[in-house]
Amino acid sequence: MEQGLNVVLMEKMATGELRKIEERVWSKNMITALEHVNYIVVGDREYETIEGRLNVDLGSLELLLVPMQS
């Protein structure tokens, strides 16, 4: 993980459908910070982190998020 880890952010919609918000490489420090956060801000929107999944086949970390009401 010296180069970082590919992270995919998925939004769980009110209908139950999933929408890909973004995909980018995160540094080791950002991955480590996930142990201490419950909320993530992306594109000026705040999301609550619900769960994460390590996809070994794709070499990525997938985070499931729900939007906070503004």
N, C-alpha and C. Protein backbone atom coordinates (compact mmCIF):
# COMPACT_ATOMS: atom_id res chain seq x y z
N MET A 1 0.83 -1.19 0.00
CA MET A 1 0.00 0.00 0.00
C MET A 1 0.87 1.25 0.00
N GLU A 2 2.12 1.14 -0.37
CA GLU A 2 3.00 2.30 -0.41
C GLU A 2 2.47 3.37 -1.35
N GLN A 3 1.83 2.94 -2.46
CA GLN A 3 1.28 3.88 -3.43
C GLN A 3 -0.13 4.33 -3.04
N GLY A 4 -0.68 3.74 -2.03
CA GLY A 4 -2.04 4.04 -1.62
C GLY A 4 -2.97 2.91 -2.01
N LEU A 5 -4.23 3.08 -1.70
CA LEU A 5 -5.24 2.06 -1.96
C LEU A 5 -6.40 2.72 -2.69
N ASN A 6 -6.89 2.05 -3.71
CA ASN A 6 -8.03 2.56 -4.46
C ASN A 6 -9.28 2.46 -3.57
N VAL A 7 -9.99 3.59 -3.39
CA VAL A 7 -11.18 3.63 -2.55
C VAL A 7 -12.37 4.03 -3.42
N VAL A 8 -13.43 3.25 -3.31
CA VAL A 8 -14.67 3.52 -4.05
C VAL A 8 -15.72 3.94 -3.03
N LEU A 9 -16.30 5.13 -3.21
CA LEU A 9 -17.35 5.63 -2.33
C LEU A 9 -18.70 5.40 -2.99
N MET A 10 -19.56 4.66 -2.28
CA MET A 10 -20.89 4.32 -2.79
C MET A 10 -21.95 4.93 -1.88
N GLU A 11 -22.90 5.64 -2.48
CA GLU A 11 -24.01 6.22 -1.73
C GLU A 11 -25.20 5.27 -1.77
N LYS A 12 -25.75 4.99 -0.59
CA LYS A 12 -26.99 4.20 -0.52
C LYS A 12 -28.15 5.18 -0.60
N MET A 13 -28.89 5.08 -1.68
CA MET A 13 -30.01 5.99 -1.91
C MET A 13 -31.20 5.59 -1.04
N ALA A 14 -32.16 6.50 -0.88
CA ALA A 14 -33.36 6.23 -0.08
C ALA A 14 -34.13 5.04 -0.63
N THR A 15 -34.01 4.79 -1.93
CA THR A 15 -34.70 3.66 -2.57
C THR A 15 -33.99 2.33 -2.34
N GLY A 16 -32.78 2.40 -1.75
CA GLY A 16 -32.00 1.19 -1.54
C GLY A 16 -30.97 0.95 -2.63
N GLU A 17 -31.08 1.69 -3.73
CA GLU A 17 -30.11 1.55 -4.82
C GLU A 17 -28.77 2.15 -4.41
N LEU A 18 -27.71 1.69 -5.05
CA LEU A 18 -26.37 2.21 -4.80
C LEU A 18 -25.93 3.08 -5.97
N ARG A 19 -25.28 4.21 -5.63
CA ARG A 19 -24.75 5.13 -6.65
C ARG A 19 -23.29 5.39 -6.35
N LYS A 20 -22.44 5.20 -7.34
CA LYS A 20 -21.02 5.46 -7.16
C LYS A 20 -20.79 6.97 -7.12
N ILE A 21 -20.22 7.45 -6.01
CA ILE A 21 -19.93 8.87 -5.85
C ILE A 21 -18.60 9.19 -6.52
N GLU A 22 -17.58 8.41 -6.18
CA GLU A 22 -16.26 8.63 -6.77
C GLU A 22 -15.36 7.46 -6.48
N GLU A 23 -14.24 7.47 -7.15
CA GLU A 23 -13.21 6.45 -6.97
C GLU A 23 -11.87 7.16 -7.10
N ARG A 24 -11.02 6.98 -6.09
CA ARG A 24 -9.70 7.59 -6.13
C ARG A 24 -8.74 6.84 -5.20
N VAL A 25 -7.46 7.10 -5.36
CA VAL A 25 -6.44 6.47 -4.51
C VAL A 25 -6.30 7.30 -3.24
N TRP A 26 -6.38 6.60 -2.09
CA TRP A 26 -6.19 7.24 -0.80
C TRP A 26 -4.82 6.84 -0.25
N SER A 27 -4.22 7.75 0.48
CA SER A 27 -2.94 7.46 1.13
C SER A 27 -3.16 6.56 2.35
N LYS A 28 -2.07 6.00 2.84
CA LYS A 28 -2.15 5.16 4.04
C LYS A 28 -2.70 5.95 5.22
N ASN A 29 -2.33 7.23 5.33
CA ASN A 29 -2.83 8.06 6.43
C ASN A 29 -4.34 8.25 6.37
N MET A 30 -4.87 8.43 5.16
CA MET A 30 -6.32 8.60 5.03
C MET A 30 -7.05 7.30 5.38
N ILE A 31 -6.49 6.17 4.98
CA ILE A 31 -7.10 4.87 5.32
C ILE A 31 -7.09 4.68 6.83
N THR A 32 -5.98 4.99 7.46
CA THR A 32 -5.86 4.86 8.91
C THR A 32 -6.85 5.77 9.63
N ALA A 33 -7.09 6.95 9.09
CA ALA A 33 -8.02 7.91 9.71
C ALA A 33 -9.44 7.37 9.77
N LEU A 34 -9.78 6.41 8.90
CA LEU A 34 -11.13 5.84 8.92
C LEU A 34 -11.47 5.20 10.26
N GLU A 35 -10.46 4.82 11.03
CA GLU A 35 -10.71 4.22 12.34
C GLU A 35 -11.30 5.23 13.31
N HIS A 36 -11.15 6.52 13.01
CA HIS A 36 -11.54 7.56 13.96
C HIS A 36 -12.67 8.45 13.46
N VAL A 37 -13.21 8.18 12.27
CA VAL A 37 -14.25 9.06 11.72
C VAL A 37 -15.54 8.29 11.47
N ASN A 38 -16.63 9.00 11.55
CA ASN A 38 -17.94 8.44 11.23
C ASN A 38 -18.56 9.14 10.02
N TYR A 39 -17.99 10.30 9.66
CA TYR A 39 -18.55 11.10 8.58
C TYR A 39 -17.45 11.50 7.60
N ILE A 40 -17.84 11.60 6.32
CA ILE A 40 -16.91 11.97 5.25
C ILE A 40 -17.57 13.09 4.45
N VAL A 41 -16.80 14.09 4.06
CA VAL A 41 -17.30 15.17 3.21
C VAL A 41 -16.70 14.99 1.82
N VAL A 42 -17.59 14.91 0.82
CA VAL A 42 -17.18 14.73 -0.58
C VAL A 42 -18.04 15.66 -1.43
N GLY A 43 -17.40 16.49 -2.25
CA GLY A 43 -18.16 17.37 -3.13
C GLY A 43 -19.10 18.28 -2.36
N ASP A 44 -18.65 18.79 -1.22
CA ASP A 44 -19.43 19.68 -0.35
C ASP A 44 -20.67 19.04 0.26
N ARG A 45 -20.74 17.70 0.22
CA ARG A 45 -21.83 16.98 0.88
C ARG A 45 -21.27 16.11 1.99
N GLU A 46 -22.00 16.01 3.08
CA GLU A 46 -21.56 15.19 4.21
C GLU A 46 -22.30 13.85 4.17
N TYR A 47 -21.52 12.78 4.39
CA TYR A 47 -22.06 11.42 4.39
C TYR A 47 -21.65 10.71 5.68
N GLU A 48 -22.52 9.84 6.15
CA GLU A 48 -22.17 8.97 7.27
C GLU A 48 -21.64 7.66 6.70
N THR A 49 -20.53 7.19 7.25
CA THR A 49 -19.97 5.92 6.81
C THR A 49 -20.75 4.80 7.50
N ILE A 50 -21.27 3.87 6.71
CA ILE A 50 -22.08 2.77 7.23
C ILE A 50 -21.24 1.50 7.38
N GLU A 51 -20.54 1.15 6.33
CA GLU A 51 -19.68 -0.04 6.39
C GLU A 51 -18.67 0.01 5.27
N GLY A 52 -17.67 -0.84 5.39
CA GLY A 52 -16.64 -0.93 4.37
C GLY A 52 -16.42 -2.37 3.96
N ARG A 53 -15.93 -2.54 2.74
CA ARG A 53 -15.67 -3.88 2.23
C ARG A 53 -14.36 -3.84 1.45
N LEU A 54 -13.47 -4.75 1.77
CA LEU A 54 -12.22 -4.88 1.03
C LEU A 54 -12.45 -5.85 -0.11
N ASN A 55 -12.37 -5.34 -1.34
CA ASN A 55 -12.57 -6.18 -2.52
C ASN A 55 -11.19 -6.63 -3.00
N VAL A 56 -10.81 -7.82 -2.60
CA VAL A 56 -9.48 -8.37 -2.91
C VAL A 56 -9.33 -8.58 -4.41
N ASP A 57 -10.39 -9.01 -5.08
CA ASP A 57 -10.32 -9.24 -6.53
C ASP A 57 -9.97 -7.98 -7.29
N LEU A 58 -10.54 -6.84 -6.87
CA LEU A 58 -10.28 -5.57 -7.55
C LEU A 58 -9.19 -4.74 -6.89
N GLY A 59 -8.74 -5.16 -5.71
CA GLY A 59 -7.71 -4.41 -5.00
C GLY A 59 -8.20 -3.04 -4.56
N SER A 60 -9.45 -3.01 -4.04
CA SER A 60 -10.01 -1.72 -3.63
C SER A 60 -10.79 -1.85 -2.33
N LEU A 61 -10.93 -0.71 -1.67
CA LEU A 61 -11.75 -0.60 -0.47
C LEU A 61 -13.03 0.10 -0.87
N GLU A 62 -14.17 -0.51 -0.60
CA GLU A 62 -15.45 0.06 -0.96
C GLU A 62 -16.15 0.52 0.31
N LEU A 63 -16.53 1.80 0.35
CA LEU A 63 -17.21 2.36 1.51
C LEU A 63 -18.65 2.67 1.17
N LEU A 64 -19.57 2.21 2.02
CA LEU A 64 -20.99 2.49 1.85
C LEU A 64 -21.33 3.70 2.70
N LEU A 65 -21.94 4.70 2.06
CA LEU A 65 -22.24 5.97 2.71
C LEU A 65 -23.72 6.32 2.56
N VAL A 66 -24.26 7.02 3.55
CA VAL A 66 -25.60 7.59 3.43
C VAL A 66 -25.48 9.10 3.62
N PRO A 67 -26.21 9.87 2.82
CA PRO A 67 -26.11 11.32 2.93
C PRO A 67 -26.75 11.83 4.20
N MET A 68 -26.14 12.85 4.79
CA MET A 68 -26.72 13.51 5.95
C MET A 68 -27.70 14.54 5.43
N GLN A 69 -28.78 14.74 6.16
CA GLN A 69 -29.76 15.73 5.73
C GLN A 69 -29.20 17.13 5.95
N SER A 70 -29.40 17.97 4.95
CA SER A 70 -28.86 19.33 5.06
C SER A 70 -29.85 20.30 5.64
